[in-house]
Amino acid sequence: MTAKTERAAAIRWIQNEMADYGLTMEELQAAGCFDPPPPPPPPPPPPVVCYRNAAGQSWDGTGEMPDWLQRAVNAGQSKGFYRSDSGRLSARQTEVSPC
């Protein structure tokens, strides 16, 4: 089937359905069938970075500790050494960070 014949078949199907249910274009418009779709929700904010190393690797503090941080802790480094400033409460923040 070509796109043109598929389109014609779809139009016939819609016309038949409208006739079967006794629907008019005005009723469909009033029901919002032709309204534009709502805008998509905004993307979720990026996770707060609680820990970051010099190579730029980061961890938000949830889930298992990443290998890079586990290796550093095993080598005797403090986890707090890698704590990021973005995980701390600033004067303008109203909520405590998850870090």
PDB file of N, CA and C in Angstrom:
ATOM      1  N   MET A   1       0.833  -1.182   0.000  1.00  0.00           N
ATOM      2  CA  MET A   1       0.000   0.000   0.000  1.00  0.00           C
ATOM      3  C   MET A   1       0.878   1.246   0.000  1.00  0.00           C
ATOM      4  N   THR A   2       0.517   2.201  -0.789  1.00  0.00           N
ATOM      5  CA  THR A   2       1.269   3.453  -0.812  1.00  0.00           C
ATOM      6  C   THR A   2       0.749   4.370   0.286  1.00  0.00           C
ATOM      7  N   ALA A   3       1.490   5.405   0.540  1.00  0.00           N
ATOM      8  CA  ALA A   3       1.092   6.360   1.579  1.00  0.00           C
ATOM      9  C   ALA A   3      -0.238   7.014   1.226  1.00  0.00           C
ATOM     10  N   LYS A   4      -0.452   7.237  -0.059  1.00  0.00           N
ATOM     11  CA  LYS A   4      -1.690   7.894  -0.495  1.00  0.00           C
ATOM     12  C   LYS A   4      -2.899   6.988  -0.245  1.00  0.00           C
ATOM     13  N   THR A   5      -2.771   5.697  -0.556  1.00  0.00           N
ATOM     14  CA  THR A   5      -3.899   4.783  -0.344  1.00  0.00           C
ATOM     15  C   THR A   5      -4.110   4.512   1.148  1.00  0.00           C
ATOM     16  N   GLU A   6      -3.023   4.481   1.931  1.00  0.00           N
ATOM     17  CA  GLU A   6      -3.162   4.311   3.383  1.00  0.00           C
ATOM     18  C   GLU A   6      -3.891   5.497   3.988  1.00  0.00           C
ATOM     19  N   ARG A   7      -3.559   6.679   3.514  1.00  0.00           N
ATOM     20  CA  ARG A   7      -4.220   7.895   4.007  1.00  0.00           C
ATOM     21  C   ARG A   7      -5.701   7.864   3.666  1.00  0.00           C
ATOM     22  N   ALA A   8      -6.026   7.485   2.442  1.00  0.00           N
ATOM     23  CA  ALA A   8      -7.432   7.415   2.028  1.00  0.00           C
ATOM     24  C   ALA A   8      -8.186   6.378   2.863  1.00  0.00           C
ATOM     25  N   ALA A   9      -7.553   5.243   3.143  1.00  0.00           N
ATOM     26  CA  ALA A   9      -8.189   4.209   3.966  1.00  0.00           C
ATOM     27  C   ALA A   9      -8.410   4.717   5.389  1.00  0.00           C
ATOM     28  N   ALA A  10      -7.460   5.461   5.925  1.00  0.00           N
ATOM     29  CA  ALA A  10      -7.600   6.013   7.277  1.00  0.00           C
ATOM     30  C   ALA A  10      -8.744   7.012   7.334  1.00  0.00           C
ATOM     31  N   ILE A  11      -8.859   7.847   6.315  1.00  0.00           N
ATOM     32  CA  ILE A  11      -9.954   8.826   6.268  1.00  0.00           C
ATOM     33  C   ILE A  11     -11.296   8.109   6.206  1.00  0.00           C
ATOM     34  N   ARG A  12     -11.402   7.077   5.376  1.00  0.00           N
ATOM     35  CA  ARG A  12     -12.659   6.306   5.297  1.00  0.00           C
ATOM     36  C   ARG A  12     -12.999   5.673   6.643  1.00  0.00           C
ATOM     37  N   TRP A  13     -11.979   5.130   7.316  1.00  0.00           N
ATOM     38  CA  TRP A  13     -12.208   4.497   8.616  1.00  0.00           C
ATOM     39  C   TRP A  13     -12.729   5.521   9.624  1.00  0.00           C
ATOM     40  N   ILE A  14     -12.115   6.709   9.643  1.00  0.00           N
ATOM     41  CA  ILE A  14     -12.552   7.760  10.570  1.00  0.00           C
ATOM     42  C   ILE A  14     -13.983   8.182  10.255  1.00  0.00           C
ATOM     43  N   GLN A  15     -14.292   8.348   8.967  1.00  0.00           N
ATOM     44  CA  GLN A  15     -15.658   8.733   8.585  1.00  0.00           C
ATOM     45  C   GLN A  15     -16.663   7.666   9.020  1.00  0.00           C
ATOM     46  N   ASN A  16     -16.313   6.393   8.837  1.00  0.00           N
ATOM     47  CA  ASN A  16     -17.207   5.305   9.259  1.00  0.00           C
ATOM     48  C   ASN A  16     -17.406   5.308  10.773  1.00  0.00           C
ATOM     49  N   GLU A  17     -16.339   5.492  11.529  1.00  0.00           N
ATOM     50  CA  GLU A  17     -16.440   5.532  12.991  1.00  0.00           C
ATOM     51  C   GLU A  17     -17.305   6.707  13.441  1.00  0.00           C
ATOM     52  N   MET A  18     -17.112   7.863  12.822  1.00  0.00           N
ATOM     53  CA  MET A  18     -17.923   9.030  13.179  1.00  0.00           C
ATOM     54  C   MET A  18     -19.393   8.760  12.891  1.00  0.00           C
ATOM     55  N   ALA A  19     -19.672   8.117  11.751  1.00  0.00           N
ATOM     56  CA  ALA A  19     -21.060   7.797  11.399  1.00  0.00           C
ATOM     57  C   ALA A  19     -21.636   6.771  12.371  1.00  0.00           C
ATOM     58  N   ASP A  20     -20.862   5.748  12.729  1.00  0.00           N
ATOM     59  CA  ASP A  20     -21.336   4.718  13.658  1.00  0.00           C
ATOM     60  C   ASP A  20     -21.710   5.310  15.014  1.00  0.00           C
ATOM     61  N   TYR A  21     -20.938   6.276  15.488  1.00  0.00           N
ATOM     62  CA  TYR A  21     -21.175   6.867  16.806  1.00  0.00           C
ATOM     63  C   TYR A  21     -21.966   8.174  16.736  1.00  0.00           C
ATOM     64  N   GLY A  22     -22.304   8.614  15.536  1.00  0.00           N
ATOM     65  CA  GLY A  22     -23.082   9.838  15.375  1.00  0.00           C
ATOM     66  C   GLY A  22     -22.318  11.090  15.797  1.00  0.00           C
ATOM     67  N   LEU A  23     -21.042  11.109  15.540  1.00  0.00           N
ATOM     68  CA  LEU A  23     -20.215  12.245  15.941  1.00  0.00           C
ATOM     69  C   LEU A  23     -20.085  13.253  14.811  1.00  0.00           C
ATOM     70  N   THR A  24     -20.023  14.533  15.202  1.00  0.00           N
ATOM     71  CA  THR A  24     -19.799  15.598  14.222  1.00  0.00           C
ATOM     72  C   THR A  24     -18.426  16.219  14.475  1.00  0.00           C
ATOM     73  N   MET A  25     -17.941  16.954  13.496  1.00  0.00           N
ATOM     74  CA  MET A  25     -16.656  17.641  13.650  1.00  0.00           C
ATOM     75  C   MET A  25     -16.714  18.624  14.819  1.00  0.00           C
ATOM     76  N   GLU A  26     -17.857  19.297  14.976  1.00  0.00           N
ATOM     77  CA  GLU A  26     -18.015  20.272  16.054  1.00  0.00           C
ATOM     78  C   GLU A  26     -17.889  19.593  17.423  1.00  0.00           C
ATOM     79  N   GLU A  27     -18.476  18.405  17.544  1.00  0.00           N
ATOM     80  CA  GLU A  27     -18.395  17.676  18.814  1.00  0.00           C
ATOM     81  C   GLU A  27     -16.952  17.251  19.104  1.00  0.00           C
ATOM     82  N   LEU A  28     -16.265  16.811  18.071  1.00  0.00           N
ATOM     83  CA  LEU A  28     -14.870  16.416  18.259  1.00  0.00           C
ATOM     84  C   LEU A  28     -14.005  17.618  18.635  1.00  0.00           C
ATOM     85  N   GLN A  29     -14.266  18.764  17.988  1.00  0.00           N
ATOM     86  CA  GLN A  29     -13.514  19.971  18.318  1.00  0.00           C
ATOM     87  C   GLN A  29     -13.802  20.403  19.748  1.00  0.00           C
ATOM     88  N   ALA A  30     -15.077  20.373  20.150  1.00  0.00           N
ATOM     89  CA  ALA A  30     -15.452  20.766  21.509  1.00  0.00           C
ATOM     90  C   ALA A  30     -14.819  19.836  22.546  1.00  0.00           C
ATOM     91  N   ALA A  31     -14.606  18.581  22.176  1.00  0.00           N
ATOM     92  CA  ALA A  31     -13.990  17.616  23.088  1.00  0.00           C
ATOM     93  C   ALA A  31     -12.472  17.773  23.154  1.00  0.00           C
ATOM     94  N   GLY A  32     -11.918  18.674  22.340  1.00  0.00           N
ATOM     95  CA  GLY A  32     -10.478  18.921  22.378  1.00  0.00           C
ATOM     96  C   GLY A  32      -9.660  17.985  21.521  1.00  0.00           C
ATOM     97  N   CYS A  33     -10.298  17.275  20.608  1.00  0.00           N
ATOM     98  CA  CYS A  33      -9.568  16.308  19.778  1.00  0.00           C
ATOM     99  C   CYS A  33      -8.520  16.960  18.881  1.00  0.00           C
ATOM    100  N   PHE A  34      -8.689  18.225  18.572  1.00  0.00           N
ATOM    101  CA  PHE A  34      -7.771  18.887  17.649  1.00  0.00           C
ATOM    102  C   PHE A  34      -6.896  19.924  18.342  1.00  0.00           C
ATOM    103  N   ASP A  35      -6.949  19.965  19.679  1.00  0.00           N
ATOM    104  CA  ASP A  35      -6.103  20.885  20.432  1.00  0.00           C
ATOM    105  C   ASP A  35      -4.648  20.438  20.303  1.00  0.00           C
ATOM    106  N   PRO A  36      -3.729  21.383  20.348  1.00  0.00           N
ATOM    107  CA  PRO A  36      -2.320  20.980  20.302  1.00  0.00           C
ATOM    108  C   PRO A  36      -1.971  20.202  21.570  1.00  0.00           C
ATOM    109  N   PRO A  37      -1.028  19.305  21.479  1.00  0.00           N
ATOM    110  CA  PRO A  37      -0.656  18.534  22.672  1.00  0.00           C
ATOM    111  C   PRO A  37      -0.019  19.453  23.715  1.00  0.00           C
ATOM    112  N   PRO A  38      -0.133  19.096  24.980  1.00  0.00           N
ATOM    113  CA  PRO A  38       0.501  19.929  26.012  1.00  0.00           C
ATOM    114  C   PRO A  38       2.019  19.868  25.871  1.00  0.00           C
ATOM    115  N   PRO A  39       2.696  20.899  26.341  1.00  0.00           N
ATOM    116  CA  PRO A  39       4.158  20.866  26.239  1.00  0.00           C
ATOM    117  C   PRO A  39       4.717  19.744  27.107  1.00  0.00           C
ATOM    118  N   PRO A  40       5.840  19.198  26.720  1.00  0.00           N
ATOM    119  CA  PRO A  40       6.430  18.119  27.534  1.00  0.00           C
ATOM    120  C   PRO A  40       6.877  18.679  28.883  1.00  0.00           C
ATOM    121  N   PRO A  41       6.900  17.843  29.897  1.00  0.00           N
ATOM    122  CA  PRO A  41       7.355  18.334  31.201  1.00  0.00           C
ATOM    123  C   PRO A  41       8.833  18.698  31.134  1.00  0.00           C
ATOM    124  N   PRO A  42       9.250  19.616  31.986  1.00  0.00           N
ATOM    125  CA  PRO A  42      10.671  19.981  31.954  1.00  0.00           C
ATOM    126  C   PRO A  42      11.523  18.794  32.384  1.00  0.00           C
ATOM    127  N   PRO A  43      12.740  18.730  31.891  1.00  0.00           N
ATOM    128  CA  PRO A  43      13.604  17.607  32.283  1.00  0.00           C
ATOM    129  C   PRO A  43      13.934  17.708  33.773  1.00  0.00           C
ATOM    130  N   PRO A  44      14.168  16.576  34.408  1.00  0.00           N
ATOM    131  CA  PRO A  44      14.518  16.629  35.827  1.00  0.00           C
ATOM    132  C   PRO A  44      15.862  17.324  36.015  1.00  0.00           C
ATOM    133  N   PRO A  45      16.043  17.971  37.148  1.00  0.00           N
ATOM    134  CA  PRO A  45      17.334  18.637  37.360  1.00  0.00           C
ATOM    135  C   PRO A  45      18.449  17.604  37.465  1.00  0.00           C
ATOM    136  N   PRO A  46      19.647  17.993  37.085  1.00  0.00           N
ATOM    137  CA  PRO A  46      20.759  17.044  37.205  1.00  0.00           C
ATOM    138  C   PRO A  46      21.005  16.740  38.679  1.00  0.00           C
ATOM    139  N   PRO A  47      21.514  15.562  38.979  1.00  0.00           N
ATOM    140  CA  PRO A  47      21.769  15.234  40.384  1.00  0.00           C
ATOM    141  C   PRO A  47      22.824  16.166  40.974  1.00  0.00           C
ATOM    142  N   VAL A  48      22.694  16.428  42.250  1.00  0.00           N
ATOM    143  CA  VAL A  48      23.672  17.255  42.945  1.00  0.00           C
ATOM    144  C   VAL A  48      24.961  16.448  43.082  1.00  0.00           C
ATOM    145  N   VAL A  49      26.059  17.059  42.724  1.00  0.00           N
ATOM    146  CA  VAL A  49      27.355  16.381  42.834  1.00  0.00           C
ATOM    147  C   VAL A  49      27.866  16.571  44.257  1.00  0.00           C
ATOM    148  N   CYS A  50      28.003  15.473  44.983  1.00  0.00           N
ATOM    149  CA  CYS A  50      28.494  15.530  46.362  1.00  0.00           C
ATOM    150  C   CYS A  50      30.000  15.310  46.435  1.00  0.00           C
ATOM    151  N   TYR A  51      30.520  14.491  45.547  1.00  0.00           N
ATOM    152  CA  TYR A  51      31.944  14.148  45.572  1.00  0.00           C
ATOM    153  C   TYR A  51      32.499  14.238  44.153  1.00  0.00           C
ATOM    154  N   ARG A  52      33.701  14.816  44.039  1.00  0.00           N
ATOM    155  CA  ARG A  52      34.331  14.953  42.720  1.00  0.00           C
ATOM    156  C   ARG A  52      35.842  14.824  42.883  1.00  0.00           C
ATOM    157  N   ASN A  53      36.468  14.142  41.913  1.00  0.00           N
ATOM    158  CA  ASN A  53      37.933  14.037  41.961  1.00  0.00           C
ATOM    159  C   ASN A  53      38.557  14.972  40.929  1.00  0.00           C
ATOM    160  N   ALA A  54      39.872  15.025  40.896  1.00  0.00           N
ATOM    161  CA  ALA A  54      40.585  15.932  39.995  1.00  0.00           C
ATOM    162  C   ALA A  54      40.364  15.584  38.528  1.00  0.00           C
ATOM    163  N   ALA A  55      40.025  14.330  38.233  1.00  0.00           N
ATOM    164  CA  ALA A  55      39.785  13.912  36.850  1.00  0.00           C
ATOM    165  C   ALA A  55      38.376  14.275  36.384  1.00  0.00           C
ATOM    166  N   GLY A  56      37.562  14.851  37.280  1.00  0.00           N
ATOM    167  CA  GLY A  56      36.209  15.248  36.904  1.00  0.00           C
ATOM    168  C   GLY A  56      35.160  14.184  37.154  1.00  0.00           C
ATOM    169  N   GLN A  57      35.564  13.036  37.670  1.00  0.00           N
ATOM    170  CA  GLN A  57      34.586  11.993  37.983  1.00  0.00           C
ATOM    171  C   GLN A  57      33.798  12.449  39.206  1.00  0.00           C
ATOM    172  N   SER A  58      32.494  12.166  39.207  1.00  0.00           N
ATOM    173  CA  SER A  58      31.671  12.636  40.314  1.00  0.00           C
ATOM    174  C   SER A  58      30.708  11.557  40.777  1.00  0.00           C
ATOM    175  N   TRP A  59      30.147  11.804  41.954  1.00  0.00           N
ATOM    176  CA  TRP A  59      29.180  10.884  42.550  1.00  0.00           C
ATOM    177  C   TRP A  59      28.185  11.721  43.324  1.00  0.00           C
ATOM    178  N   ASP A  60      26.897  11.378  43.193  1.00  0.00           N
ATOM    179  CA  ASP A  60      25.858  12.146  43.886  1.00  0.00           C
ATOM    180  C   ASP A  60      25.560  11.624  45.291  1.00  0.00           C
ATOM    181  N   GLY A  61      26.274  10.620  45.723  1.00  0.00           N
ATOM    182  CA  GLY A  61      26.108  10.106  47.074  1.00  0.00           C
ATOM    183  C   GLY A  61      25.055   9.026  47.214  1.00  0.00           C
ATOM    184  N   THR A  62      24.371   8.677  46.128  1.00  0.00           N
ATOM    185  CA  THR A  62      23.361   7.627  46.202  1.00  0.00           C
ATOM    186  C   THR A  62      23.893   6.358  45.554  1.00  0.00           C
ATOM    187  N   GLY A  63      23.391   5.242  46.015  1.00  0.00           N
ATOM    188  CA  GLY A  63      23.829   3.970  45.457  1.00  0.00           C
ATOM    189  C   GLY A  63      25.205   3.595  45.974  1.00  0.00           C
ATOM    190  N   GLU A  64      25.801   2.633  45.311  1.00  0.00           N
ATOM    191  CA  GLU A  64      27.126   2.169  45.727  1.00  0.00           C
ATOM    192  C   GLU A  64      28.188   3.218  45.442  1.00  0.00           C
ATOM    193  N   MET A  65      29.199   3.241  46.292  1.00  0.00           N
ATOM    194  CA  MET A  65      30.321   4.150  46.100  1.00  0.00           C
ATOM    195  C   MET A  65      31.043   3.751  44.811  1.00  0.00           C
ATOM    196  N   PRO A  66      31.336   4.720  43.934  1.00  0.00           N
ATOM    197  CA  PRO A  66      32.017   4.371  42.679  1.00  0.00           C
ATOM    198  C   PRO A  66      33.440   3.867  42.938  1.00  0.00           C
ATOM    199  N   ASP A  67      33.954   3.129  41.970  1.00  0.00           N
ATOM    200  CA  ASP A  67      35.287   2.525  42.105  1.00  0.00           C
ATOM    201  C   ASP A  67      36.370   3.553  42.411  1.00  0.00           C
ATOM    202  N   TRP A  68      36.334   4.701  41.712  1.00  0.00           N
ATOM    203  CA  TRP A  68      37.394   5.691  41.916  1.00  0.00           C
ATOM    204  C   TRP A  68      37.433   6.177  43.361  1.00  0.00           C
ATOM    205  N   LEU A  69      36.271   6.358  43.982  1.00  0.00           N
ATOM    206  CA  LEU A  69      36.227   6.819  45.366  1.00  0.00           C
ATOM    207  C   LEU A  69      36.559   5.681  46.332  1.00  0.00           C
ATOM    208  N   GLN A  70      36.083   4.487  46.027  1.00  0.00           N
ATOM    209  CA  GLN A  70      36.383   3.335  46.882  1.00  0.00           C
ATOM    210  C   GLN A  70      37.888   3.066  46.914  1.00  0.00           C
ATOM    211  N   ARG A  71      38.542   3.167  45.749  1.00  0.00           N
ATOM    212  CA  ARG A  71      39.995   2.961  45.699  1.00  0.00           C
ATOM    213  C   ARG A  71      40.725   4.018  46.535  1.00  0.00           C
ATOM    214  N   ALA A  72      40.259   5.269  46.457  1.00  0.00           N
ATOM    215  CA  ALA A  72      40.895   6.344  47.224  1.00  0.00           C
ATOM    216  C   ALA A  72      40.720   6.120  48.724  1.00  0.00           C
ATOM    217  N   VAL A  73      39.526   5.722  49.140  1.00  0.00           N
ATOM    218  CA  VAL A  73      39.269   5.454  50.559  1.00  0.00           C
ATOM    219  C   VAL A  73      40.107   4.265  51.026  1.00  0.00           C
ATOM    220  N   ASN A  74      40.185   3.222  50.203  1.00  0.00           N
ATOM    221  CA  ASN A  74      40.995   2.047  50.547  1.00  0.00           C
ATOM    222  C   ASN A  74      42.478   2.399  50.673  1.00  0.00           C
ATOM    223  N   ALA A  75      42.906   3.419  49.928  1.00  0.00           N
ATOM    224  CA  ALA A  75      44.304   3.847  49.971  1.00  0.00           C
ATOM    225  C   ALA A  75      44.571   4.793  51.139  1.00  0.00           C
ATOM    226  N   GLY A  76      43.530   5.089  51.935  1.00  0.00           N
ATOM    227  CA  GLY A  76      43.717   5.921  53.118  1.00  0.00           C
ATOM    228  C   GLY A  76      43.234   7.350  52.988  1.00  0.00           C
ATOM    229  N   GLN A  77      42.725   7.725  51.841  1.00  0.00           N
ATOM    230  CA  GLN A  77      42.223   9.086  51.654  1.00  0.00           C
ATOM    231  C   GLN A  77      40.840   9.208  52.294  1.00  0.00           C
ATOM    232  N   SER A  78      40.552  10.365  52.845  1.00  0.00           N
ATOM    233  CA  SER A  78      39.247  10.617  53.457  1.00  0.00           C
ATOM    234  C   SER A  78      38.202  10.861  52.370  1.00  0.00           C
ATOM    235  N   LYS A  79      37.012  10.343  52.589  1.00  0.00           N
ATOM    236  CA  LYS A  79      35.923  10.589  51.637  1.00  0.00           C
ATOM    237  C   LYS A  79      35.610  12.086  51.580  1.00  0.00           C
ATOM    238  N   GLY A  80      35.750  12.763  52.720  1.00  0.00           N
ATOM    239  CA  GLY A  80      35.496  14.200  52.788  1.00  0.00           C
ATOM    240  C   GLY A  80      36.439  15.022  51.929  1.00  0.00           C
ATOM    241  N   PHE A  81      37.618  14.484  51.630  1.00  0.00           N
ATOM    242  CA  PHE A  81      38.584  15.177  50.783  1.00  0.00           C
ATOM    243  C   PHE A  81      37.984  15.466  49.406  1.00  0.00           C
ATOM    244  N   TYR A  82      37.113  14.592  48.945  1.00  0.00           N
ATOM    245  CA  TYR A  82      36.516  14.718  47.609  1.00  0.00           C
ATOM    246  C   TYR A  82      35.163  15.417  47.638  1.00  0.00           C
ATOM    247  N   ARG A  83      34.742  15.873  48.809  1.00  0.00           N
ATOM    248  CA  ARG A  83      33.435  16.512  48.930  1.00  0.00           C
ATOM    249  C   ARG A  83      33.396  17.768  48.064  1.00  0.00           C
ATOM    250  N   SER A  84      32.311  17.915  47.336  1.00  0.00           N
ATOM    251  CA  SER A  84      32.153  19.041  46.417  1.00  0.00           C
ATOM    252  C   SER A  84      31.406  20.175  47.111  1.00  0.00           C
ATOM    253  N   ASP A  85      31.732  21.411  46.757  1.00  0.00           N
ATOM    254  CA  ASP A  85      31.023  22.562  47.324  1.00  0.00           C
ATOM    255  C   ASP A  85      29.572  22.606  46.887  1.00  0.00           C
ATOM    256  N   SER A  86      29.251  22.005  45.740  1.00  0.00           N
ATOM    257  CA  SER A  86      27.865  22.044  45.255  1.00  0.00           C
ATOM    258  C   SER A  86      26.932  21.262  46.164  1.00  0.00           C
ATOM    259  N   GLY A  87      27.471  20.420  47.032  1.00  0.00           N
ATOM    260  CA  GLY A  87      26.640  19.642  47.934  1.00  0.00           C
ATOM    261  C   GLY A  87      26.385  20.321  49.260  1.00  0.00           C
ATOM    262  N   ARG A  88      26.922  21.517  49.452  1.00  0.00           N
ATOM    263  CA  ARG A  88      26.756  22.216  50.729  1.00  0.00           C
ATOM    264  C   ARG A  88      25.663  23.269  50.617  1.00  0.00           C
ATOM    265  N   LEU A  89      25.103  23.655  51.743  1.00  0.00           N
ATOM    266  CA  LEU A  89      24.028  24.642  51.795  1.00  0.00           C
ATOM    267  C   LEU A  89      24.624  26.039  51.675  1.00  0.00           C
ATOM    268  N   SER A  90      24.153  26.795  50.676  1.00  0.00           N
ATOM    269  CA  SER A  90      24.615  28.171  50.530  1.00  0.00           C
ATOM    270  C   SER A  90      23.624  29.098  51.229  1.00  0.00           C
ATOM    271  N   ALA A  91      23.966  30.373  51.332  1.00  0.00           N
ATOM    272  CA  ALA A  91      23.114  31.332  52.033  1.00  0.00           C
ATOM    273  C   ALA A  91      21.761  31.498  51.353  1.00  0.00           C
ATOM    274  N   ARG A  92      21.691  31.300  50.040  1.00  0.00           N
ATOM    275  CA  ARG A  92      20.435  31.492  49.311  1.00  0.00           C
ATOM    276  C   ARG A  92      19.597  30.233  49.204  1.00  0.00           C
ATOM    277  N   GLN A  93      20.133  29.085  49.525  1.00  0.00           N
ATOM    278  CA  GLN A  93      19.373  27.842  49.411  1.00  0.00           C
ATOM    279  C   GLN A  93      18.388  27.733  50.561  1.00  0.00           C
ATOM    280  N   THR A  94      17.214  27.181  50.264  1.00  0.00           N
ATOM    281  CA  THR A  94      16.209  26.989  51.307  1.00  0.00           C
ATOM    282  C   THR A  94      16.100  25.532  51.709  1.00  0.00           C
ATOM    283  N   GLU A  95      16.585  24.635  50.884  1.00  0.00           N
ATOM    284  CA  GLU A  95      16.516  23.210  51.192  1.00  0.00           C
ATOM    285  C   GLU A  95      17.919  22.670  51.428  1.00  0.00           C
ATOM    286  N   VAL A  96      18.000  21.727  52.313  1.00  0.00           N
ATOM    287  CA  VAL A  96      19.280  21.083  52.571  1.00  0.00           C
ATOM    288  C   VAL A  96      19.565  20.120  51.429  1.00  0.00           C
ATOM    289  N   SER A  97      20.781  20.141  50.949  1.00  0.00           N
ATOM    290  CA  SER A  97      21.194  19.257  49.864  1.00  0.00           C
ATOM    291  C   SER A  97      21.172  17.806  50.330  1.00  0.00           C
ATOM    292  N   PRO A  98      20.981  16.854  49.419  1.00  0.00           N
ATOM    293  CA  PRO A  98      20.983  15.446  49.809  1.00  0.00           C
ATOM    294  C   PRO A  98      22.357  14.940  50.220  1.00  0.00           C
ATOM    295  N   CYS A  99      23.377  15.736  50.053  1.00  0.00           N
ATOM    296  CA  CYS A  99      24.731  15.284  50.400  1.00  0.00           C
ATOM    297  C   CYS A  99      24.876  15.334  51.879  1.00  0.00           C
TER     298      CYS A  99
END
